Amino acid sequence: MAERTIRVGSTHGLHARPAKLFVQAVAESGAPVTIAKNSGKAVNAGSILGVISLGIDHGDYVTLVTEAENADSVLDDLADILSTDHDA
């Protein structure tokens, strides 16, 4: 199992557009990934509704967890998406 904590970079948080990019990347990875805000309840990172329901704002910390064989690579890619300001 691999885990990564990332600070969200988008100025307006993980709203529709960056959440869509993130969820698409999760789906493309083929890995089962969960996301949790500030050590809260984890949700399926492949679910746009689940991700948006967390109410993730700019500067919030989220934790990603996966048990995929290529876990480090998957989490590196997802961390890049989450830490980028898609509102710039």
N, C-alpha and C. Protein backbone atom coordinates (compact mmCIF):
# COMPACT_ATOMS: atom_id res chain seq x y z
N MET A 1 0.84 -1.17 0.00
CA MET A 1 0.00 0.00 0.00
C MET A 1 0.89 1.24 0.00
N ALA A 2 0.53 2.21 -0.84
CA ALA A 2 1.25 3.47 -0.90
C ALA A 2 0.30 4.60 -0.55
N GLU A 3 0.86 5.61 0.10
CA GLU A 3 0.06 6.74 0.55
C GLU A 3 0.83 8.02 0.25
N ARG A 4 0.11 9.06 -0.13
CA ARG A 4 0.74 10.35 -0.41
C ARG A 4 -0.17 11.46 0.05
N THR A 5 0.38 12.45 0.74
CA THR A 5 -0.37 13.63 1.16
C THR A 5 0.09 14.81 0.31
N ILE A 6 -0.89 15.51 -0.26
CA ILE A 6 -0.62 16.58 -1.22
C ILE A 6 -1.40 17.82 -0.82
N ARG A 7 -0.81 18.99 -1.02
CA ARG A 7 -1.51 20.27 -0.80
C ARG A 7 -2.13 20.68 -2.14
N VAL A 8 -3.42 20.98 -2.14
CA VAL A 8 -4.15 21.32 -3.37
C VAL A 8 -3.73 22.70 -3.84
N GLY A 9 -3.36 22.77 -5.13
CA GLY A 9 -2.83 24.01 -5.69
C GLY A 9 -3.82 24.89 -6.42
N SER A 10 -4.93 24.35 -6.88
CA SER A 10 -5.87 25.17 -7.64
C SER A 10 -6.44 26.29 -6.76
N THR A 11 -6.42 27.50 -7.28
CA THR A 11 -6.84 28.68 -6.55
C THR A 11 -8.25 28.55 -5.99
N HIS A 12 -9.13 27.90 -6.73
CA HIS A 12 -10.52 27.75 -6.29
C HIS A 12 -10.81 26.34 -5.78
N GLY A 13 -9.78 25.60 -5.45
CA GLY A 13 -9.96 24.26 -4.91
C GLY A 13 -10.26 23.23 -5.98
N LEU A 14 -10.75 22.11 -5.53
CA LEU A 14 -11.03 21.00 -6.43
C LEU A 14 -12.49 21.07 -6.89
N HIS A 15 -12.79 22.10 -7.68
CA HIS A 15 -14.13 22.27 -8.23
C HIS A 15 -14.23 21.45 -9.51
N ALA A 16 -15.27 21.64 -10.29
CA ALA A 16 -15.60 20.77 -11.42
C ALA A 16 -14.45 20.49 -12.38
N ARG A 17 -13.79 21.52 -12.88
CA ARG A 17 -12.76 21.28 -13.91
C ARG A 17 -11.56 20.51 -13.37
N PRO A 18 -10.89 20.97 -12.30
CA PRO A 18 -9.75 20.19 -11.81
C PRO A 18 -10.17 18.83 -11.26
N ALA A 19 -11.36 18.74 -10.69
CA ALA A 19 -11.83 17.44 -10.21
C ALA A 19 -12.01 16.47 -11.37
N LYS A 20 -12.53 16.98 -12.48
CA LYS A 20 -12.72 16.14 -13.68
C LYS A 20 -11.37 15.64 -14.19
N LEU A 21 -10.37 16.52 -14.25
CA LEU A 21 -9.03 16.12 -14.69
C LEU A 21 -8.46 15.05 -13.77
N PHE A 22 -8.64 15.24 -12.48
CA PHE A 22 -8.13 14.29 -11.49
C PHE A 22 -8.81 12.93 -11.63
N VAL A 23 -10.15 12.92 -11.69
CA VAL A 23 -10.91 11.67 -11.79
C VAL A 23 -10.58 10.94 -13.08
N GLN A 24 -10.41 11.68 -14.18
CA GLN A 24 -10.03 11.04 -15.45
C GLN A 24 -8.66 10.38 -15.33
N ALA A 25 -7.73 11.04 -14.66
CA ALA A 25 -6.39 10.46 -14.48
C ALA A 25 -6.44 9.20 -13.63
N VAL A 26 -7.30 9.20 -12.62
CA VAL A 26 -7.49 8.00 -11.80
C VAL A 26 -8.01 6.86 -12.67
N ALA A 27 -9.02 7.14 -13.48
CA ALA A 27 -9.60 6.11 -14.35
C ALA A 27 -8.57 5.58 -15.34
N GLU A 28 -7.79 6.48 -15.93
CA GLU A 28 -6.77 6.07 -16.90
C GLU A 28 -5.68 5.23 -16.27
N SER A 29 -5.41 5.44 -14.99
CA SER A 29 -4.36 4.68 -14.31
C SER A 29 -4.77 3.22 -14.11
N GLY A 30 -6.09 2.99 -14.02
CA GLY A 30 -6.58 1.64 -13.78
C GLY A 30 -6.38 1.17 -12.35
N ALA A 31 -5.91 2.06 -11.49
CA ALA A 31 -5.62 1.70 -10.10
C ALA A 31 -6.78 2.10 -9.19
N PRO A 32 -7.07 1.27 -8.19
CA PRO A 32 -8.05 1.67 -7.18
C PRO A 32 -7.41 2.68 -6.24
N VAL A 33 -7.93 3.89 -6.22
CA VAL A 33 -7.35 4.97 -5.42
C VAL A 33 -8.45 5.57 -4.55
N THR A 34 -8.10 5.90 -3.30
CA THR A 34 -9.02 6.64 -2.45
C THR A 34 -8.40 8.00 -2.15
N ILE A 35 -9.27 8.97 -1.84
CA ILE A 35 -8.84 10.31 -1.48
C ILE A 35 -9.59 10.72 -0.22
N ALA A 36 -8.88 11.36 0.69
CA ALA A 36 -9.48 11.86 1.93
C ALA A 36 -8.96 13.27 2.19
N LYS A 37 -9.81 14.11 2.74
CA LYS A 37 -9.43 15.49 3.08
C LYS A 37 -9.10 15.55 4.57
N ASN A 38 -7.91 16.06 4.88
CA ASN A 38 -7.51 16.28 6.27
C ASN A 38 -7.78 15.08 7.18
N SER A 39 -7.36 13.92 6.78
CA SER A 39 -7.53 12.69 7.56
C SER A 39 -9.00 12.32 7.81
N GLY A 40 -9.89 12.84 6.99
CA GLY A 40 -11.31 12.51 7.11
C GLY A 40 -11.63 11.21 6.40
N LYS A 41 -12.91 11.02 6.14
CA LYS A 41 -13.39 9.81 5.48
C LYS A 41 -12.87 9.74 4.05
N ALA A 42 -12.36 8.59 3.67
CA ALA A 42 -11.85 8.38 2.32
C ALA A 42 -12.98 8.00 1.38
N VAL A 43 -12.90 8.53 0.15
CA VAL A 43 -13.87 8.20 -0.89
C VAL A 43 -13.13 7.67 -2.11
N ASN A 44 -13.86 7.04 -2.99
CA ASN A 44 -13.31 6.54 -4.24
C ASN A 44 -12.86 7.73 -5.08
N ALA A 45 -11.57 7.81 -5.39
CA ALA A 45 -11.03 8.92 -6.17
C ALA A 45 -11.46 8.87 -7.63
N GLY A 46 -12.06 7.77 -8.05
CA GLY A 46 -12.56 7.65 -9.41
C GLY A 46 -13.99 8.13 -9.56
N SER A 47 -14.57 8.65 -8.49
CA SER A 47 -15.96 9.13 -8.50
C SER A 47 -15.98 10.65 -8.43
N ILE A 48 -16.44 11.29 -9.51
CA ILE A 48 -16.49 12.75 -9.53
C ILE A 48 -17.38 13.28 -8.41
N LEU A 49 -18.49 12.62 -8.15
CA LEU A 49 -19.37 13.06 -7.07
C LEU A 49 -18.71 12.90 -5.71
N GLY A 50 -18.01 11.80 -5.53
CA GLY A 50 -17.31 11.57 -4.27
C GLY A 50 -16.23 12.62 -4.02
N VAL A 51 -15.46 12.92 -5.06
CA VAL A 51 -14.38 13.89 -4.93
C VAL A 51 -14.94 15.29 -4.64
N ILE A 52 -15.95 15.71 -5.40
CA ILE A 52 -16.52 17.04 -5.20
C ILE A 52 -17.20 17.14 -3.83
N SER A 53 -17.77 16.04 -3.36
CA SER A 53 -18.48 16.06 -2.07
C SER A 53 -17.54 16.34 -0.89
N LEU A 54 -16.25 16.17 -1.08
CA LEU A 54 -15.29 16.43 0.00
C LEU A 54 -15.11 17.92 0.26
N GLY A 55 -15.50 18.76 -0.70
CA GLY A 55 -15.37 20.21 -0.50
C GLY A 55 -13.93 20.65 -0.32
N ILE A 56 -13.07 20.22 -1.19
CA ILE A 56 -11.65 20.49 -1.09
C ILE A 56 -11.35 21.89 -1.62
N ASP A 57 -10.73 22.72 -0.77
CA ASP A 57 -10.40 24.10 -1.13
C ASP A 57 -8.90 24.25 -1.36
N HIS A 58 -8.55 25.41 -1.93
CA HIS A 58 -7.14 25.75 -2.15
C HIS A 58 -6.38 25.65 -0.83
N GLY A 59 -5.25 24.97 -0.86
CA GLY A 59 -4.41 24.85 0.32
C GLY A 59 -4.75 23.69 1.23
N ASP A 60 -5.89 23.05 1.00
CA ASP A 60 -6.24 21.87 1.80
C ASP A 60 -5.26 20.74 1.51
N TYR A 61 -5.09 19.89 2.50
CA TYR A 61 -4.27 18.70 2.31
C TYR A 61 -5.17 17.50 2.09
N VAL A 62 -4.83 16.70 1.09
CA VAL A 62 -5.57 15.48 0.80
C VAL A 62 -4.60 14.31 0.83
N THR A 63 -5.12 13.16 1.20
CA THR A 63 -4.30 11.95 1.24
C THR A 63 -4.83 10.96 0.22
N LEU A 64 -3.95 10.50 -0.64
CA LEU A 64 -4.27 9.48 -1.63
C LEU A 64 -3.69 8.16 -1.18
N VAL A 65 -4.44 7.09 -1.39
CA VAL A 65 -3.98 5.75 -1.03
C VAL A 65 -4.32 4.80 -2.18
N THR A 66 -3.37 3.93 -2.49
CA THR A 66 -3.61 2.89 -3.49
C THR A 66 -2.77 1.65 -3.16
N GLU A 67 -3.27 0.52 -3.63
CA GLU A 67 -2.53 -0.73 -3.47
C GLU A 67 -2.09 -1.28 -4.82
N ALA A 68 -2.08 -0.44 -5.82
CA ALA A 68 -1.69 -0.85 -7.17
C ALA A 68 -0.21 -1.24 -7.20
N GLU A 69 0.14 -2.10 -8.15
CA GLU A 69 1.53 -2.53 -8.29
C GLU A 69 2.44 -1.35 -8.65
N ASN A 70 1.93 -0.43 -9.45
CA ASN A 70 2.69 0.74 -9.88
C ASN A 70 2.30 1.96 -9.04
N ALA A 71 2.10 1.75 -7.75
CA ALA A 71 1.56 2.76 -6.85
C ALA A 71 2.33 4.07 -6.87
N ASP A 72 3.65 4.02 -6.81
CA ASP A 72 4.42 5.26 -6.77
C ASP A 72 4.23 6.08 -8.03
N SER A 73 4.22 5.44 -9.16
CA SER A 73 4.02 6.14 -10.43
C SER A 73 2.63 6.75 -10.51
N VAL A 74 1.62 5.99 -10.11
CA VAL A 74 0.24 6.48 -10.11
C VAL A 74 0.11 7.69 -9.19
N LEU A 75 0.63 7.58 -7.98
CA LEU A 75 0.51 8.68 -7.02
C LEU A 75 1.32 9.90 -7.44
N ASP A 76 2.46 9.70 -8.11
CA ASP A 76 3.23 10.83 -8.63
C ASP A 76 2.40 11.61 -9.64
N ASP A 77 1.78 10.91 -10.57
CA ASP A 77 0.96 11.56 -11.60
C ASP A 77 -0.22 12.30 -10.99
N LEU A 78 -0.90 11.67 -10.04
CA LEU A 78 -2.06 12.30 -9.40
C LEU A 78 -1.64 13.49 -8.54
N ALA A 79 -0.50 13.38 -7.88
CA ALA A 79 0.00 14.49 -7.07
C ALA A 79 0.30 15.71 -7.94
N ASP A 80 0.83 15.48 -9.13
CA ASP A 80 1.10 16.59 -10.05
C ASP A 80 -0.18 17.32 -10.41
N ILE A 81 -1.24 16.57 -10.67
CA ILE A 81 -2.53 17.18 -11.02
C ILE A 81 -3.07 17.99 -9.85
N LEU A 82 -3.03 17.43 -8.67
CA LEU A 82 -3.59 18.10 -7.50
C LEU A 82 -2.80 19.33 -7.07
N SER A 83 -1.51 19.32 -7.25
CA SER A 83 -0.68 20.44 -6.79
C SER A 83 -0.60 21.57 -7.81
N THR A 84 -1.06 21.34 -9.03
CA THR A 84 -1.06 22.36 -10.09
C THR A 84 -2.25 23.29 -9.95
N ASP A 85 -2.02 24.59 -10.21
CA ASP A 85 -3.11 25.56 -10.19
C ASP A 85 -3.80 25.55 -11.56
N HIS A 86 -4.92 24.85 -11.66
CA HIS A 86 -5.64 24.77 -12.92
C HIS A 86 -6.52 26.00 -13.15
N ASP A 87 -6.51 26.93 -12.22
CA ASP A 87 -7.30 28.15 -12.34
C ASP A 87 -6.46 29.33 -12.80
N ALA A 88 -5.16 29.11 -12.98
CA ALA A 88 -4.26 30.20 -13.36
C ALA A 88 -4.45 30.59 -14.81
